[in-house]
Structures are given as C-alpha cells and as structure tokens.
Amino acid sequence: MDIISLIIFLAIGALVGWLAGKIYKGSGFGIIGNIVVGIVGSVLGGFVFGMLGIIAGGLLGSIVMGTVGAVLLLFLIGLVKKNS
C-alpha cells in the first residue's frame, strides 16, 4: 500500500465514521475516533453485505457499505453499554 492509498483509506474511514456519528448520535467522534469507527464499521459492513449477498462497488458503494456497518457498530456498542 503506497502513501496515497493509505491517505485515501484513512480519509474514507474518517468520512464514514463522521457520517455514522451524525446518523446515530448527531455528532462526530473527532478525527481519530471517526477513523477508527469508520474502519471497523467498514469491515463489519463488508461482512454483513457479504452475508446478505449484496455487492457494493466503487467509491460510493464503499462509503454506503462502511456507513451502514459503522451505524450497526455504534448500535451494538450502545447495546453493550446499556447492559453494563
């Protein structure tokens, strides 16, 4: 992975994390938090979309898939926090 690919990867992660934060709780998590939520959410979204047989192609598809996964991640974290 070259430096440009890494920067794009982190930028998409930040965007996805920010979008998920806006959708789920109304604000973002800061740049580092957005990147972490975005990257983990993208992995979760890829897994869920794969299990459902949905293919998300291109940049827009990746952003949608990552956002769905990140919102799901935040929802699951919220459930765990409520039960603690």
Protein backbone atom coordinates (compact mmCIF):
# COMPACT_ATOMS: atom_id res chain seq x y z
CA MET A 1 0.00 0.00 0.00
CA ASP A 2 1.56 3.27 -1.04
CA ILE A 3 1.13 6.57 0.81
CA ILE A 4 -1.66 7.85 -1.46
CA SER A 5 -3.70 4.67 -0.93
CA LEU A 6 -3.20 4.95 2.82
CA ILE A 7 -4.34 8.58 2.84
CA ILE A 8 -7.45 7.69 0.80
CA PHE A 9 -8.16 4.73 3.11
CA LEU A 10 -7.93 6.96 6.20
CA ALA A 11 -9.99 9.74 4.58
CA ILE A 12 -12.79 7.32 3.68
CA GLY A 13 -12.64 5.89 7.20
CA ALA A 14 -12.92 9.39 8.67
CA LEU A 15 -15.84 10.26 6.37
CA VAL A 16 -17.68 7.03 7.13
CA GLY A 17 -17.13 7.45 10.89
CA TRP A 18 -18.34 11.04 10.75
CA LEU A 19 -21.44 10.08 8.75
CA ALA A 20 -22.25 7.27 11.16
CA GLY A 21 -21.82 9.61 14.11
CA LYS A 22 -24.17 12.14 12.51
CA ILE A 23 -26.76 9.46 11.75
CA TYR A 24 -26.59 7.64 15.07
CA LYS A 25 -25.93 10.28 17.70
CA GLY A 26 -25.96 13.64 15.95
CA SER A 27 -22.24 14.45 16.10
CA GLY A 28 -18.87 13.01 15.14
CA PHE A 29 -16.19 11.48 17.37
CA GLY A 30 -13.16 13.60 16.49
CA ILE A 31 -10.77 12.72 13.68
CA ILE A 32 -9.17 9.67 15.32
CA GLY A 33 -12.49 8.35 16.62
CA ASN A 34 -14.10 8.83 13.21
CA ILE A 35 -11.27 6.93 11.50
CA VAL A 36 -11.47 4.04 13.98
CA VAL A 37 -15.27 3.82 13.83
CA GLY A 38 -15.13 4.12 10.03
CA ILE A 39 -12.54 1.41 9.52
CA VAL A 40 -14.08 -1.08 11.95
CA GLY A 41 -17.54 -0.25 10.61
CA SER A 42 -16.36 -0.80 7.03
CA VAL A 43 -15.08 -4.26 7.94
CA LEU A 44 -18.37 -5.05 9.69
CA GLY A 45 -20.37 -3.64 6.77
CA GLY A 46 -18.37 -5.73 4.29
CA PHE A 47 -19.06 -8.83 6.35
CA VAL A 48 -22.80 -8.11 6.66
CA PHE A 49 -23.20 -7.16 2.98
CA GLY A 50 -21.32 -10.33 2.01
CA MET A 51 -23.58 -12.48 4.18
CA LEU A 52 -26.62 -10.90 2.51
CA GLY A 53 -25.13 -11.35 -0.98
CA ILE A 54 -25.05 -7.61 -1.66
CA ILE A 55 -22.17 -6.24 -3.72
CA ALA A 56 -21.20 -2.60 -3.21
CA GLY A 57 -18.83 -1.38 -5.91
CA GLY A 58 -16.90 1.81 -6.37
CA LEU A 59 -16.26 4.68 -4.03
CA LEU A 60 -19.92 5.46 -3.34
CA GLY A 61 -20.69 1.80 -2.67
CA SER A 62 -17.78 1.60 -0.23
CA ILE A 63 -18.98 4.70 1.60
CA VAL A 64 -22.55 3.37 1.84
CA MET A 65 -21.39 -0.07 2.98
CA GLY A 66 -18.99 1.41 5.51
CA THR A 67 -21.60 3.81 6.86
CA VAL A 68 -24.15 1.03 7.30
CA GLY A 69 -21.53 -1.07 9.09
CA ALA A 70 -20.42 1.83 11.29
CA VAL A 71 -24.01 2.64 12.30
CA LEU A 72 -24.51 -1.04 13.13
CA LEU A 73 -21.28 -0.97 15.15
CA LEU A 74 -22.45 2.08 17.12
CA PHE A 75 -25.81 0.42 17.73
CA LEU A 76 -24.13 -2.73 19.06
CA ILE A 77 -21.79 -0.68 21.27
CA GLY A 78 -24.85 1.15 22.62
CA LEU A 79 -26.50 -2.16 23.49
CA VAL A 80 -23.41 -3.39 25.31
CA LYS A 81 -23.10 -0.11 27.26
CA LYS A 82 -26.76 -0.27 28.32
CA ASN A 83 -26.33 -3.81 29.65
CA SER A 84 -23.17 -2.95 31.60
